[in-house]
Amino acid sequence: MTTALITGTTAGIGAAFAGRLAADGHNLVLVARDEKRLREQAADLHDRHGVEADVLVADLSEDDGIAAVEARLKDRTHPVDLLVNNAGFGNRARYLEVPITDELRMLKLHCEAVLRLTSAGVGTMRDRGRGGVINVASIAAFFPRGTYGASKAWVVQFTQGAAKDLASSGVRLMALCPGFVRTEFHARAGIKDDSVPGWMWLDPDRLVTAALKDFARGKSLSIPDPRYKAMSSLAKLAPRSALSSLSSKVGRPPAKA
């Protein structure tokens, strides 16, 4: 039986990945900061699907947390076959309205943690000649949207570049670029549902189903919804000034005077 390690797994997209992979018969390593919620989730997945679900409490915006997950990914006696780097957060405020400590914490989580965990996981996967990594980015990667969009653009570029370098290794990598998904992510970022048009919201379970289909097809980039595929195509053609104006209005507060 294969094992999947998922970060940021107690809610939203991470929880949807955990439920789907458990239903498909994968053992799990669940990674998040909240031990109580992790243990409740692990017990529920074990009871419902009969899989083993290990708990790893780690804050991936801290060096110790990243190192703990790296060590698990390097464990060759209990190898991880699929890594889902999903942990992340957003800041609703605009550039210079967010404390620099929060900006740096975001970069550590979205970029450094993704780089280090992907490298740790892929190292053992390549030696076995099989395995995969899904790095959760965002549709914001294609739009000018401050530190968040820039960090997610890095995830996309890094993942696609690594996928090309490892094309003949048996290890697959894919960047997943969802749009607005009804999860705790937006509530924690202070984004109100009514600040985003209703048609832009996605269901996390459907998102994961589409993403796993793209992964099985060998895609290095997944934008699993026709609406957001169209938006990403538009982003390649529209003037940057227009994209910046659109991006600054959706899901964000008005600029301070």
Protein backbone atom coordinates (compact mmCIF):
# COMPACT_ATOMS: atom_id res chain seq x y z
CA MET A 1 0.00 0.00 0.00
CA THR A 2 1.35 3.44 -0.91
CA THR A 3 1.78 6.36 1.47
CA ALA A 4 0.91 10.02 0.87
CA LEU A 5 2.18 12.90 3.01
CA ILE A 6 -0.02 16.01 2.98
CA THR A 7 0.77 19.35 4.60
CA GLY A 8 -1.90 21.74 5.82
CA THR A 9 -4.28 18.82 6.00
CA THR A 10 -6.89 19.65 8.64
CA ALA A 11 -9.13 21.84 6.45
CA GLY A 12 -9.95 22.87 2.91
CA ILE A 13 -7.93 21.53 0.00
CA GLY A 14 -5.61 19.56 2.29
CA ALA A 15 -8.54 17.81 3.97
CA ALA A 16 -10.07 17.08 0.56
CA PHE A 17 -6.81 15.48 -0.59
CA ALA A 18 -6.64 13.42 2.61
CA GLY A 19 -10.19 12.16 2.23
CA ARG A 20 -9.84 11.29 -1.43
CA LEU A 21 -6.46 9.56 -1.06
CA ALA A 22 -7.67 7.59 1.97
CA ALA A 23 -10.75 6.49 0.03
CA ASP A 24 -8.42 5.31 -2.74
CA GLY A 25 -6.52 3.16 -0.23
CA HIS A 26 -3.42 5.25 0.49
CA ASN A 27 -1.89 5.31 3.96
CA LEU A 28 -1.36 8.88 5.12
CA VAL A 29 1.03 11.14 6.99
CA LEU A 30 -0.97 14.19 8.07
CA VAL A 31 0.98 17.39 8.74
CA ALA A 32 -0.37 20.55 10.39
CA ARG A 33 0.11 22.72 13.49
CA ASP A 34 -3.00 21.73 15.46
CA GLU A 35 -2.36 18.37 17.14
CA LYS A 36 -5.92 17.94 18.42
CA ARG A 37 -7.45 18.42 14.98
CA LEU A 38 -4.81 16.21 13.39
CA ARG A 39 -5.55 13.33 15.74
CA GLU A 40 -9.29 13.68 15.23
CA GLN A 41 -8.79 13.69 11.46
CA ALA A 42 -6.47 10.67 11.59
CA ALA A 43 -8.93 8.67 13.68
CA ASP A 44 -11.82 9.54 11.37
CA LEU A 45 -9.93 8.57 8.20
CA HIS A 46 -8.78 5.31 9.77
CA ASP A 47 -12.29 4.42 10.91
CA ARG A 48 -13.94 5.31 7.59
CA HIS A 49 -11.38 3.89 5.17
CA GLY A 50 -9.26 1.39 7.12
CA VAL A 51 -5.97 3.13 6.27
CA GLU A 52 -3.08 4.02 8.55
CA ALA A 53 -2.98 7.75 9.25
CA ASP A 54 0.08 9.02 11.10
CA VAL A 55 0.20 12.47 12.66
CA LEU A 56 3.13 14.88 12.37
CA VAL A 57 2.71 18.20 14.18
CA ALA A 58 4.83 20.87 12.48
CA ASP A 59 4.77 24.59 11.76
CA LEU A 60 6.27 24.88 8.29
CA SER A 61 6.99 28.57 8.71
CA GLU A 62 9.65 27.55 11.26
CA ASP A 63 12.96 25.76 10.64
CA ASP A 64 12.24 23.05 13.20
CA GLY A 65 8.92 22.23 11.57
CA ILE A 66 10.42 22.01 8.09
CA ALA A 67 13.27 19.83 9.40
CA ALA A 68 10.83 17.41 11.06
CA VAL A 69 8.94 16.83 7.82
CA GLU A 70 12.18 16.60 5.83
CA ALA A 71 13.30 13.80 8.15
CA ARG A 72 10.06 11.89 7.57
CA LEU A 73 10.38 12.26 3.81
CA LYS A 74 13.95 10.94 3.90
CA ASP A 75 12.92 7.81 5.87
CA ARG A 76 13.73 4.98 3.46
CA THR A 77 12.24 2.26 5.67
CA HIS A 78 8.78 3.88 5.47
CA PRO A 79 8.90 5.68 2.13
CA VAL A 80 6.48 8.37 1.01
CA ASP A 81 5.13 7.79 -2.50
CA LEU A 82 3.17 11.04 -2.93
CA LEU A 83 3.91 14.43 -1.36
CA VAL A 84 1.24 17.13 -1.40
CA ASN A 85 2.68 20.51 -0.38
CA ASN A 86 -0.54 22.31 0.47
CA ALA A 87 0.17 24.39 3.60
CA GLY A 88 -0.16 28.10 3.03
CA PHE A 89 -1.78 31.35 4.10
CA GLY A 90 -2.66 34.74 2.70
CA ASN A 91 -2.59 38.33 3.93
CA ARG A 92 -5.59 40.43 2.94
CA ALA A 93 -3.84 43.78 3.31
CA ARG A 94 -1.78 45.36 0.59
CA TYR A 95 1.97 45.79 0.27
CA LEU A 96 3.45 47.95 3.06
CA GLU A 97 0.24 47.43 5.09
CA VAL A 98 1.49 43.96 6.08
CA PRO A 99 4.29 43.67 8.68
CA ILE A 100 7.53 42.54 7.06
CA THR A 101 7.70 39.65 9.54
CA ASP A 102 4.44 38.30 8.10
CA GLU A 103 5.73 38.73 4.54
CA LEU A 104 8.90 36.79 5.39
CA ARG A 105 6.90 34.09 7.14
CA MET A 106 4.81 33.68 3.99
CA LEU A 107 7.90 33.37 1.80
CA LYS A 108 9.39 30.78 4.14
CA LEU A 109 6.22 28.68 4.02
CA HIS A 110 5.40 29.07 0.32
CA CYS A 111 8.94 28.96 -1.09
CA GLU A 112 11.58 27.65 1.31
CA ALA A 113 9.40 24.90 2.80
CA VAL A 114 8.19 23.81 -0.65
CA LEU A 115 11.76 23.71 -1.96
CA ARG A 116 13.14 21.78 1.00
CA LEU A 117 10.29 19.29 1.30
CA THR A 118 10.14 18.67 -2.44
CA SER A 119 13.89 18.08 -2.50
CA ALA A 120 13.74 15.71 0.48
CA GLY A 121 10.87 13.73 -0.99
CA VAL A 122 12.14 13.60 -4.54
CA GLY A 123 15.58 12.46 -3.42
CA THR A 124 14.27 9.16 -2.07
CA MET A 125 11.63 8.82 -4.80
CA ARG A 126 14.24 9.12 -7.55
CA ASP A 127 16.33 6.38 -5.94
CA ARG A 128 13.26 4.09 -6.01
CA GLY A 129 12.39 5.13 -9.56
CA ARG A 130 8.84 6.19 -8.71
CA GLY A 131 6.83 8.77 -6.78
CA GLY A 132 5.19 12.12 -7.18
CA VAL A 133 4.81 15.63 -5.79
CA ILE A 134 1.85 17.99 -6.06
CA ASN A 135 2.71 21.56 -5.06
CA VAL A 136 -0.38 23.66 -4.43
CA ALA A 137 0.10 27.11 -5.96
CA SER A 138 -2.75 29.43 -6.99
CA ILE A 139 -4.36 31.15 -9.94
CA ALA A 140 -2.85 34.26 -8.31
CA ALA A 141 0.48 33.08 -9.75
CA PHE A 142 -0.62 34.53 -13.11
CA PHE A 143 -1.70 37.94 -11.79
CA PRO A 144 0.18 40.83 -10.13
CA ARG A 145 -0.90 40.30 -6.51
CA GLY A 146 1.86 41.26 -4.12
CA THR A 147 3.89 38.79 -2.11
CA TYR A 148 1.24 36.08 -2.24
CA GLY A 149 1.00 36.01 -6.03
CA ALA A 150 4.78 36.29 -6.37
CA SER A 151 5.35 33.35 -4.03
CA LYS A 152 2.85 31.21 -5.90
CA ALA A 153 4.41 32.16 -9.23
CA TRP A 154 7.68 30.86 -7.81
CA VAL A 155 5.97 27.56 -6.90
CA VAL A 156 4.72 27.15 -10.48
CA GLN A 157 8.06 27.95 -12.10
CA PHE A 158 10.03 25.79 -9.67
CA THR A 159 7.70 22.81 -10.02
CA GLN A 160 7.55 22.87 -13.81
CA GLY A 161 11.32 23.27 -14.06
CA ALA A 162 11.93 20.38 -11.66
CA ALA A 163 9.39 18.25 -13.51
CA LYS A 164 11.33 18.73 -16.73
CA ASP A 165 14.66 17.93 -15.07
CA LEU A 166 13.21 14.71 -13.60
CA ALA A 167 11.23 13.64 -16.65
CA SER A 168 13.11 10.37 -17.10
CA SER A 169 13.41 9.50 -13.41
CA GLY A 170 9.99 7.98 -12.77
CA VAL A 171 9.12 10.89 -10.46
CA ARG A 172 6.31 13.25 -11.49
CA LEU A 173 5.79 16.81 -10.27
CA MET A 174 2.77 19.02 -10.79
CA ALA A 175 1.83 22.55 -9.73
CA LEU A 176 -1.85 22.88 -8.84
CA CYS A 177 -3.39 26.32 -9.37
CA PRO A 178 -6.84 26.59 -7.80
CA GLY A 179 -8.90 29.74 -7.68
CA PHE A 180 -11.12 30.77 -4.78
CA VAL A 181 -12.11 27.66 -2.81
CA ARG A 182 -14.55 27.70 0.12
CA THR A 183 -12.15 26.86 2.93
CA GLU A 184 -10.83 28.32 6.19
CA PHE A 185 -7.96 29.86 4.19
CA HIS A 186 -9.94 32.94 3.20
CA ALA A 187 -11.51 33.43 6.62
CA ARG A 188 -8.06 33.38 8.24
CA ALA A 189 -6.87 35.94 5.67
CA GLY A 190 -9.82 38.20 6.45
CA ILE A 191 -11.41 37.75 3.01
CA LYS A 192 -15.20 37.93 3.18
CA ASP A 193 -17.25 35.71 0.88
CA ASP A 194 -19.22 38.69 -0.42
CA SER A 195 -16.02 40.34 -1.68
CA VAL A 196 -15.66 37.56 -4.29
CA PRO A 197 -18.28 36.98 -7.05
CA GLY A 198 -20.27 33.80 -6.48
CA TRP A 199 -19.23 32.22 -9.78
CA MET A 200 -15.57 32.28 -8.73
CA TRP A 201 -15.96 29.89 -5.78
CA LEU A 202 -14.91 26.25 -6.22
CA ASP A 203 -15.72 23.08 -4.29
CA PRO A 204 -12.58 21.50 -2.73
CA ASP A 205 -13.61 17.88 -3.39
CA ARG A 206 -14.27 18.51 -7.08
CA LEU A 207 -11.03 20.45 -7.29
CA VAL A 208 -9.03 17.53 -5.88
CA THR A 209 -10.74 15.03 -8.18
CA ALA A 210 -9.82 17.12 -11.22
CA ALA A 211 -6.27 17.70 -9.94
CA LEU A 212 -5.61 13.99 -9.43
CA LYS A 213 -6.86 13.27 -12.95
CA ASP A 214 -4.40 15.83 -14.31
CA PHE A 215 -1.63 14.32 -12.20
CA ALA A 216 -2.41 10.82 -13.52
CA ARG A 217 -2.17 12.20 -17.08
CA GLY A 218 1.35 13.45 -16.36
CA LYS A 219 0.61 17.17 -16.46
CA SER A 220 3.11 19.51 -14.79
CA LEU A 221 0.48 22.25 -14.39
CA SER A 222 -3.14 21.81 -13.35
CA ILE A 223 -5.76 24.56 -13.49
CA PRO A 224 -8.74 22.32 -12.75
CA ASP A 225 -11.70 24.45 -13.79
CA PRO A 226 -12.73 25.90 -17.18
CA ARG A 227 -13.40 29.34 -15.68
CA TYR A 228 -9.92 29.64 -14.26
CA LYS A 229 -8.32 28.12 -17.36
CA ALA A 230 -9.92 30.97 -19.31
CA MET A 231 -8.65 33.51 -16.77
CA SER A 232 -5.09 32.19 -16.98
CA SER A 233 -5.21 32.39 -20.77
CA LEU A 234 -6.50 35.96 -20.54
CA ALA A 235 -3.65 36.80 -18.18
CA LYS A 236 -1.16 35.96 -20.94
CA LEU A 237 -2.79 38.40 -23.36
CA ALA A 238 -4.16 41.29 -21.31
CA PRO A 239 -2.07 44.39 -20.50
CA ARG A 240 -0.35 44.12 -17.13
CA SER A 241 -1.97 47.36 -15.97
CA ALA A 242 -5.45 45.89 -16.54
CA LEU A 243 -4.51 42.66 -14.74
CA SER A 244 -3.14 44.61 -11.80
CA SER A 245 -6.33 46.64 -11.52
CA LEU A 246 -8.53 43.52 -11.62
CA SER A 247 -6.39 41.59 -9.16
CA SER A 248 -6.35 44.44 -6.65
CA LYS A 249 -10.16 44.60 -6.47
CA VAL A 250 -11.14 40.95 -5.94
CA GLY A 251 -11.03 39.67 -2.37
CA ARG A 252 -9.08 42.64 -1.05
CA PRO A 253 -9.96 45.82 0.89
CA PRO A 254 -9.82 49.28 -0.69
CA ALA A 255 -6.43 50.94 -0.65
CA LYS A 256 -5.74 53.14 2.36
CA ALA A 257 -5.48 56.84 1.72
